[in-house]
Amino acid sequence: MTSGAPSGDAAPRRRGRPSRTQSGSGPATRDRILDAARDEFSERGYEKTSVRGIAKAAGVDSALVHHYFGTKEQVFEAAITVAFAPALEAPAAIEEGPLDEVGERLTRFIFGVWENPATRAPLLAIVRSAVTNETAAAVFRRLISAQLLGRIAGRIDLPDAELRAELAAAQLVGVALLRYVIKVEPLASAGVEQIVARVAPVVQGHLTGA
C-alpha cells in the first residue's frame, strides 16, 4: 500500500469550486466574508482591497469568495448593500410629522446613523471607496439612486422632487464627508446637535423651499 495515495472513493474536485472543508457552514461563512469585506474596504479603500485579502481576513479560500459573490465589484456591492441598510430607513422621516419639519427629522436621522459606531464603520468603507474609485462610485450611485433618493423623491409632492432629494442628499453627504472622513476642524469636533441645528434648515430648503 503506497503511503499518501488518495483513496479510491475520493472524487476529484472540479477546478474553481470550493472544497467541502472550504465551504464551511453556508450562511455563516457568507456572513463572515461580508464582515471581512466591509473591514477591508473600510481600512484600505476599493483600490487596495483584493479578493485574496478578503478571503484571508475571513479565513477562507479565494475560490469561496468568488463562489458566493463573483467579482470584487460584486463583493463590494453586496457588502455595502448590507452596510447601507440603516440609512435606507431615512425615507420614513419624510412621512413622520409635518412637512415643514422634515428637514430636521431627516438630518437628525442621518447623523444619528453616522454617530453610531456600529453603523459608522461600514459607511466609512462606502464613502472612502466611492471617492477614490470610479467602479466603487458607480456601485454607490446605483444603490443611493434606486433605494434612497428615489424613495425620498416619491414622498415629496412638489415640482423637481428628484432634484430636491439629490440636493438634500448632497448637503448631508458633504457634511458627513468633511466631518467623519476628512475630519476638518472645527466641524469634526462640533456637537451633533449643533450640526443638526445648522444643517437641517438647509436640507428643509432643498426639500420644500420655493
C-alpha atoms as a PDB file:
ATOM      1  CA  MET A   1       0.000   0.000   0.000  1.00  0.00           C
ATOM      2  CA  THR A   2       1.530   3.328  -1.072  1.00  0.00           C
ATOM      3  CA  SER A   3       1.685   5.952   1.677  1.00  0.00           C
ATOM      4  CA  GLY A   4      -0.141   9.252   0.951  1.00  0.00           C
ATOM      5  CA  ALA A   5      -2.016   7.934  -2.100  1.00  0.00           C
ATOM      6  CA  PRO A   6      -5.621   9.131  -2.455  1.00  0.00           C
ATOM      7  CA  SER A   7      -8.311   6.600  -1.591  1.00  0.00           C
ATOM      8  CA  GLY A   8     -10.197   5.057  -4.451  1.00  0.00           C
ATOM      9  CA  ASP A   9     -13.548   6.551  -3.485  1.00  0.00           C
ATOM     10  CA  ALA A  10     -12.326  10.180  -3.317  1.00  0.00           C
ATOM     11  CA  ALA A  11     -13.860  12.051  -6.225  1.00  0.00           C
ATOM     12  CA  PRO A  12     -11.642  14.768  -7.746  1.00  0.00           C
ATOM     13  CA  ARG A  13     -12.753  18.361  -7.053  1.00  0.00           C
ATOM     14  CA  ARG A  14     -13.541  20.483 -10.069  1.00  0.00           C
ATOM     15  CA  ARG A  15     -11.287  23.472 -10.528  1.00  0.00           C
ATOM     16  CA  GLY A  16     -12.701  26.758  -9.265  1.00  0.00           C
ATOM     17  CA  ARG A  17     -15.157  25.124  -6.883  1.00  0.00           C
ATOM     18  CA  PRO A  18     -14.595  25.316  -3.103  1.00  0.00           C
ATOM     19  CA  SER A  19     -13.992  22.015  -1.355  1.00  0.00           C
ATOM     20  CA  ARG A  20     -16.380  20.719   1.257  1.00  0.00           C
ATOM     21  CA  THR A  21     -13.991  21.793   4.022  1.00  0.00           C
ATOM     22  CA  GLN A  22     -13.654  25.256   2.469  1.00  0.00           C
ATOM     23  CA  SER A  23     -17.382  25.766   2.119  1.00  0.00           C
ATOM     24  CA  GLY A  24     -17.827  25.854   5.893  1.00  0.00           C
ATOM     25  CA  SER A  25     -21.356  26.293   7.199  1.00  0.00           C
ATOM     26  CA  GLY A  26     -23.065  28.101   4.341  1.00  0.00           C
ATOM     27  CA  PRO A  27     -24.834  31.274   5.515  1.00  0.00           C
ATOM     28  CA  ALA A  28     -22.451  31.747   8.458  1.00  0.00           C
ATOM     29  CA  THR A  29     -19.453  31.592   6.123  1.00  0.00           C
ATOM     30  CA  ARG A  30     -21.093  34.018   3.701  1.00  0.00           C
ATOM     31  CA  ASP A  31     -21.720  36.482   6.527  1.00  0.00           C
ATOM     32  CA  ARG A  32     -18.123  36.128   7.682  1.00  0.00           C
ATOM     33  CA  ILE A  33     -16.923  37.007   4.193  1.00  0.00           C
ATOM     34  CA  LEU A  34     -19.197  40.077   4.116  1.00  0.00           C
ATOM     35  CA  ASP A  35     -17.908  41.222   7.507  1.00  0.00           C
ATOM     36  CA  ALA A  36     -14.324  40.805   6.336  1.00  0.00           C
ATOM     37  CA  ALA A  37     -15.095  42.636   3.090  1.00  0.00           C
ATOM     38  CA  ARG A  38     -16.563  45.631   4.937  1.00  0.00           C
ATOM     39  CA  ASP A  39     -13.499  45.804   7.181  1.00  0.00           C
ATOM     40  CA  GLU A  40     -11.088  45.549   4.258  1.00  0.00           C
ATOM     41  CA  PHE A  41     -12.891  48.164   2.147  1.00  0.00           C
ATOM     42  CA  SER A  42     -13.097  50.471   5.177  1.00  0.00           C
ATOM     43  CA  GLU A  43      -9.393  50.223   6.019  1.00  0.00           C
ATOM     44  CA  ARG A  44      -7.910  50.023   2.521  1.00  0.00           C
ATOM     45  CA  GLY A  45     -10.478  51.511   0.141  1.00  0.00           C
ATOM     46  CA  TYR A  46     -11.657  49.845  -3.058  1.00  0.00           C
ATOM     47  CA  GLU A  47      -8.398  50.136  -4.994  1.00  0.00           C
ATOM     48  CA  LYS A  48      -6.172  48.419  -2.428  1.00  0.00           C
ATOM     49  CA  THR A  49      -8.652  45.747  -1.395  1.00  0.00           C
ATOM     50  CA  SER A  50      -8.353  42.382  -3.125  1.00  0.00           C
ATOM     51  CA  VAL A  51     -10.468  39.235  -3.153  1.00  0.00           C
ATOM     52  CA  ARG A  52      -7.442  37.385  -1.798  1.00  0.00           C
ATOM     53  CA  GLY A  53      -7.174  39.856   1.086  1.00  0.00           C
ATOM     54  CA  ILE A  54     -10.871  39.495   1.882  1.00  0.00           C
ATOM     55  CA  ALA A  55     -10.540  35.710   1.823  1.00  0.00           C
ATOM     56  CA  LYS A  56      -7.533  35.799   4.138  1.00  0.00           C
ATOM     57  CA  ALA A  57      -9.345  38.084   6.606  1.00  0.00           C
ATOM     58  CA  ALA A  58     -12.375  35.777   6.553  1.00  0.00           C
ATOM     59  CA  GLY A  59     -10.243  32.643   6.938  1.00  0.00           C
ATOM     60  CA  VAL A  60     -11.421  31.059   3.681  1.00  0.00           C
ATOM     61  CA  ASP A  61     -10.028  30.296   0.233  1.00  0.00           C
ATOM     62  CA  SER A  62     -10.332  32.940  -2.505  1.00  0.00           C
ATOM     63  CA  ALA A  63     -12.363  30.479  -4.573  1.00  0.00           C
ATOM     64  CA  LEU A  64     -15.046  30.566  -1.900  1.00  0.00           C
ATOM     65  CA  VAL A  65     -15.374  34.356  -2.173  1.00  0.00           C
ATOM     66  CA  HIS A  66     -15.840  34.017  -5.941  1.00  0.00           C
ATOM     67  CA  HIS A  67     -18.276  31.144  -5.370  1.00  0.00           C
ATOM     68  CA  TYR A  68     -20.559  33.274  -3.185  1.00  0.00           C
ATOM     69  CA  PHE A  69     -20.182  36.710  -4.793  1.00  0.00           C
ATOM     70  CA  GLY A  70     -18.275  36.642  -8.090  1.00  0.00           C
ATOM     71  CA  THR A  71     -16.027  39.637  -8.823  1.00  0.00           C
ATOM     72  CA  LYS A  72     -14.590  42.200  -6.410  1.00  0.00           C
ATOM     73  CA  GLU A  73     -17.203  44.693  -7.636  1.00  0.00           C
ATOM     74  CA  GLN A  74     -19.960  42.247  -6.740  1.00  0.00           C
ATOM     75  CA  VAL A  75     -18.427  41.632  -3.312  1.00  0.00           C
ATOM     76  CA  PHE A  76     -18.329  45.392  -2.758  1.00  0.00           C
ATOM     77  CA  GLU A  77     -21.953  45.843  -3.813  1.00  0.00           C
ATOM     78  CA  ALA A  78     -23.121  43.022  -1.535  1.00  0.00           C
ATOM     79  CA  ALA A  79     -21.127  44.398   1.380  1.00  0.00           C
ATOM     80  CA  ILE A  80     -22.323  47.986   1.079  1.00  0.00           C
ATOM     81  CA  THR A  81     -25.953  46.974   0.493  1.00  0.00           C
ATOM     82  CA  VAL A  82     -25.959  45.371   3.925  1.00  0.00           C
ATOM     83  CA  ALA A  83     -23.936  48.212   5.455  1.00  0.00           C
ATOM     84  CA  PHE A  84     -26.149  50.906   3.922  1.00  0.00           C
ATOM     85  CA  ALA A  85     -29.368  49.285   5.165  1.00  0.00           C
ATOM     86  CA  PRO A  86     -29.791  51.580   8.238  1.00  0.00           C
ATOM     87  CA  ALA A  87     -29.580  54.697   6.046  1.00  0.00           C
ATOM     88  CA  LEU A  88     -32.270  53.287   3.768  1.00  0.00           C
ATOM     89  CA  GLU A  89     -34.775  53.861   6.562  1.00  0.00           C
ATOM     90  CA  ALA A  90     -34.320  57.617   6.043  1.00  0.00           C
ATOM     91  CA  PRO A  91     -37.399  57.994   3.776  1.00  0.00           C
ATOM     92  CA  ALA A  92     -39.550  57.119   6.784  1.00  0.00           C
ATOM     93  CA  ALA A  93     -38.553  60.506   8.219  1.00  0.00           C
ATOM     94  CA  ILE A  94     -40.456  62.113   5.338  1.00  0.00           C
ATOM     95  CA  GLU A  95     -43.705  60.521   6.479  1.00  0.00           C
ATOM     96  CA  GLU A  96     -43.483  61.339  10.180  1.00  0.00           C
ATOM     97  CA  GLY A  97     -44.934  64.670  11.232  1.00  0.00           C
ATOM     98  CA  PRO A  98     -45.432  67.983   9.405  1.00  0.00           C
ATOM     99  CA  LEU A  99     -43.751  68.586   6.061  1.00  0.00           C
ATOM    100  CA  ASP A 100     -42.242  71.854   7.309  1.00  0.00           C
ATOM    101  CA  GLU A 101     -40.181  69.884   9.857  1.00  0.00           C
ATOM    102  CA  VAL A 102     -38.965  67.157   7.542  1.00  0.00           C
ATOM    103  CA  GLY A 103     -35.508  68.724   7.160  1.00  0.00           C
ATOM    104  CA  GLU A 104     -34.758  68.373  10.848  1.00  0.00           C
ATOM    105  CA  ARG A 105     -36.148  64.833  11.052  1.00  0.00           C
ATOM    106  CA  LEU A 106     -34.142  63.657   8.059  1.00  0.00           C
ATOM    107  CA  THR A 107     -30.948  65.416   9.196  1.00  0.00           C
ATOM    108  CA  ARG A 108     -31.259  64.068  12.729  1.00  0.00           C
ATOM    109  CA  PHE A 109     -31.840  60.549  11.418  1.00  0.00           C
ATOM    110  CA  ILE A 110     -28.852  60.574   9.050  1.00  0.00           C
ATOM    111  CA  PHE A 111     -26.423  61.944  11.623  1.00  0.00           C
ATOM    112  CA  GLY A 112     -27.786  59.503  14.180  1.00  0.00           C
ATOM    113  CA  VAL A 113     -26.650  56.724  11.835  1.00  0.00           C
ATOM    114  CA  TRP A 114     -23.235  58.344  11.432  1.00  0.00           C
ATOM    115  CA  GLU A 115     -22.788  58.915  15.177  1.00  0.00           C
ATOM    116  CA  ASN A 116     -23.425  55.241  15.965  1.00  0.00           C
ATOM    117  CA  PRO A 117     -20.019  53.446  15.901  1.00  0.00           C
ATOM    118  CA  ALA A 118     -21.665  50.215  14.737  1.00  0.00           C
ATOM    119  CA  THR A 119     -23.059  51.839  11.590  1.00  0.00           C
ATOM    120  CA  ARG A 120     -20.326  54.439  11.066  1.00  0.00           C
ATOM    121  CA  ALA A 121     -17.558  51.949  10.192  1.00  0.00           C
ATOM    122  CA  PRO A 122     -19.339  50.362   7.212  1.00  0.00           C
ATOM    123  CA  LEU A 123     -20.460  53.792   5.974  1.00  0.00           C
ATOM    124  CA  LEU A 124     -16.845  54.908   6.029  1.00  0.00           C
ATOM    125  CA  ALA A 125     -15.988  51.918   3.850  1.00  0.00           C
ATOM    126  CA  ILE A 126     -18.587  53.009   1.321  1.00  0.00           C
ATOM    127  CA  VAL A 127     -17.617  56.683   1.189  1.00  0.00           C
ATOM    128  CA  ARG A 128     -13.847  56.144   1.160  1.00  0.00           C
ATOM    129  CA  SER A 129     -14.116  53.650  -1.665  1.00  0.00           C
ATOM    130  CA  ALA A 130     -16.585  55.716  -3.687  1.00  0.00           C
ATOM    131  CA  VAL A 131     -14.441  58.861  -3.638  1.00  0.00           C
ATOM    132  CA  THR A 132     -11.283  57.054  -4.767  1.00  0.00           C
ATOM    133  CA  ASN A 133     -12.519  54.620  -7.410  1.00  0.00           C
ATOM    134  CA  GLU A 134     -14.989  55.031 -10.271  1.00  0.00           C
ATOM    135  CA  THR A 135     -16.145  51.411 -10.140  1.00  0.00           C
ATOM    136  CA  ALA A 136     -16.980  51.762  -6.462  1.00  0.00           C
ATOM    137  CA  ALA A 137     -18.613  55.137  -7.145  1.00  0.00           C
ATOM    138  CA  ALA A 138     -20.837  53.573  -9.826  1.00  0.00           C
ATOM    139  CA  VAL A 139     -21.981  50.889  -7.382  1.00  0.00           C
ATOM    140  CA  PHE A 140     -22.688  53.550  -4.755  1.00  0.00           C
ATOM    141  CA  ARG A 141     -24.637  55.675  -7.249  1.00  0.00           C
ATOM    142  CA  ARG A 142     -26.838  52.722  -8.206  1.00  0.00           C
ATOM    143  CA  LEU A 143     -27.583  51.974  -4.596  1.00  0.00           C
ATOM    144  CA  ILE A 144     -28.243  55.522  -3.432  1.00  0.00           C
ATOM    145  CA  SER A 145     -30.268  56.464  -6.531  1.00  0.00           C
ATOM    146  CA  ALA A 146     -32.509  53.418  -6.627  1.00  0.00           C
ATOM    147  CA  GLN A 147     -33.015  52.752  -2.942  1.00  0.00           C
ATOM    148  CA  LEU A 148     -32.679  56.107  -1.193  1.00  0.00           C
ATOM    149  CA  LEU A 149     -33.120  59.151  -3.416  1.00  0.00           C
ATOM    150  CA  GLY A 150     -35.915  57.613  -5.466  1.00  0.00           C
ATOM    151  CA  ARG A 151     -37.840  56.730  -2.325  1.00  0.00           C
ATOM    152  CA  ILE A 152     -37.417  60.194  -0.835  1.00  0.00           C
ATOM    153  CA  ALA A 153     -38.412  61.902  -4.084  1.00  0.00           C
ATOM    154  CA  GLY A 154     -41.506  59.716  -4.301  1.00  0.00           C
ATOM    155  CA  ARG A 155     -42.711  61.135  -0.977  1.00  0.00           C
ATOM    156  CA  ILE A 156     -42.309  64.801  -1.951  1.00  0.00           C
ATOM    157  CA  ASP A 157     -45.360  66.043  -3.805  1.00  0.00           C
ATOM    158  CA  LEU A 158     -43.595  69.064  -5.274  1.00  0.00           C
ATOM    159  CA  PRO A 159     -42.031  70.032  -8.625  1.00  0.00           C
ATOM    160  CA  ASP A 160     -38.488  68.761  -9.259  1.00  0.00           C
ATOM    161  CA  ALA A 161     -38.811  66.236  -6.449  1.00  0.00           C
ATOM    162  CA  GLU A 162     -35.866  64.189  -7.701  1.00  0.00           C
ATOM    163  CA  LEU A 163     -33.556  67.214  -7.864  1.00  0.00           C
ATOM    164  CA  ARG A 164     -34.729  68.322  -4.417  1.00  0.00           C
ATOM    165  CA  ALA A 165     -33.910  64.897  -2.951  1.00  0.00           C
ATOM    166  CA  GLU A 166     -30.475  64.887  -4.603  1.00  0.00           C
ATOM    167  CA  LEU A 167     -29.620  68.362  -3.298  1.00  0.00           C
ATOM    168  CA  ALA A 168     -30.694  67.394   0.224  1.00  0.00           C
ATOM    169  CA  ALA A 169     -28.583  64.228  -0.001  1.00  0.00           C
ATOM    170  CA  ALA A 170     -25.603  66.213  -1.322  1.00  0.00           C
ATOM    171  CA  GLN A 171     -25.828  68.522   1.675  1.00  0.00           C
ATOM    172  CA  LEU A 172     -25.905  65.623   4.131  1.00  0.00           C
ATOM    173  CA  VAL A 173     -23.218  63.546   2.401  1.00  0.00           C
ATOM    174  CA  GLY A 174     -20.949  66.575   2.019  1.00  0.00           C
ATOM    175  CA  VAL A 175     -21.092  67.448   5.704  1.00  0.00           C
ATOM    176  CA  ALA A 176     -20.601  63.793   6.654  1.00  0.00           C
ATOM    177  CA  LEU A 177     -17.588  63.542   4.345  1.00  0.00           C
ATOM    178  CA  LEU A 178     -15.894  66.574   5.931  1.00  0.00           C
ATOM    179  CA  ARG A 179     -16.806  65.562   9.491  1.00  0.00           C
ATOM    180  CA  TYR A 180     -16.201  61.809   9.542  1.00  0.00           C
ATOM    181  CA  VAL A 181     -13.839  61.058   6.644  1.00  0.00           C
ATOM    182  CA  ILE A 182     -11.640  64.126   6.105  1.00  0.00           C
ATOM    183  CA  LYS A 183     -12.177  65.275   9.714  1.00  0.00           C
ATOM    184  CA  VAL A 184     -11.966  69.004   9.072  1.00  0.00           C
ATOM    185  CA  GLU A 185     -11.907  71.079  12.257  1.00  0.00           C
ATOM    186  CA  PRO A 186     -13.888  72.524  13.935  1.00  0.00           C
ATOM    187  CA  LEU A 187     -16.614  70.568  12.131  1.00  0.00           C
ATOM    188  CA  ALA A 188     -15.183  67.203  13.187  1.00  0.00           C
ATOM    189  CA  SER A 189     -15.319  68.111  16.889  1.00  0.00           C
ATOM    190  CA  ALA A 190     -18.593  70.057  16.925  1.00  0.00           C
ATOM    191  CA  GLY A 191     -21.506  68.592  18.851  1.00  0.00           C
ATOM    192  CA  VAL A 192     -24.016  66.704  16.746  1.00  0.00           C
ATOM    193  CA  GLU A 193     -26.868  68.916  17.984  1.00  0.00           C
ATOM    194  CA  GLN A 194     -25.014  71.959  16.713  1.00  0.00           C
ATOM    195  CA  ILE A 195     -24.571  70.265  13.338  1.00  0.00           C
ATOM    196  CA  VAL A 196     -28.262  69.364  13.130  1.00  0.00           C
ATOM    197  CA  ALA A 197     -29.280  72.916  14.051  1.00  0.00           C
ATOM    198  CA  ARG A 198     -27.137  74.400  11.265  1.00  0.00           C
ATOM    199  CA  VAL A 199     -27.733  71.825   8.528  1.00  0.00           C
ATOM    200  CA  ALA A 200     -31.426  70.990   8.988  1.00  0.00           C
ATOM    201  CA  PRO A 201     -32.774  74.364   7.703  1.00  0.00           C
ATOM    202  CA  VAL A 202     -30.676  73.989   4.535  1.00  0.00           C
ATOM    203  CA  VAL A 203     -31.979  70.457   3.973  1.00  0.00           C
ATOM    204  CA  GLN A 204     -35.512  71.733   4.579  1.00  0.00           C
ATOM    205  CA  GLY A 205     -34.996  74.408   1.945  1.00  0.00           C
ATOM    206  CA  HIS A 206     -33.842  71.853  -0.602  1.00  0.00           C
ATOM    207  CA  LEU A 207     -36.821  69.577   0.039  1.00  0.00           C
ATOM    208  CA  THR A 208     -39.703  72.016   0.345  1.00  0.00           C
ATOM    209  CA  GLY A 209     -38.422  75.535  -0.419  1.00  0.00           C
ATOM    210  CA  ALA A 210     -39.743  77.705  -3.198  1.00  0.00           C
END
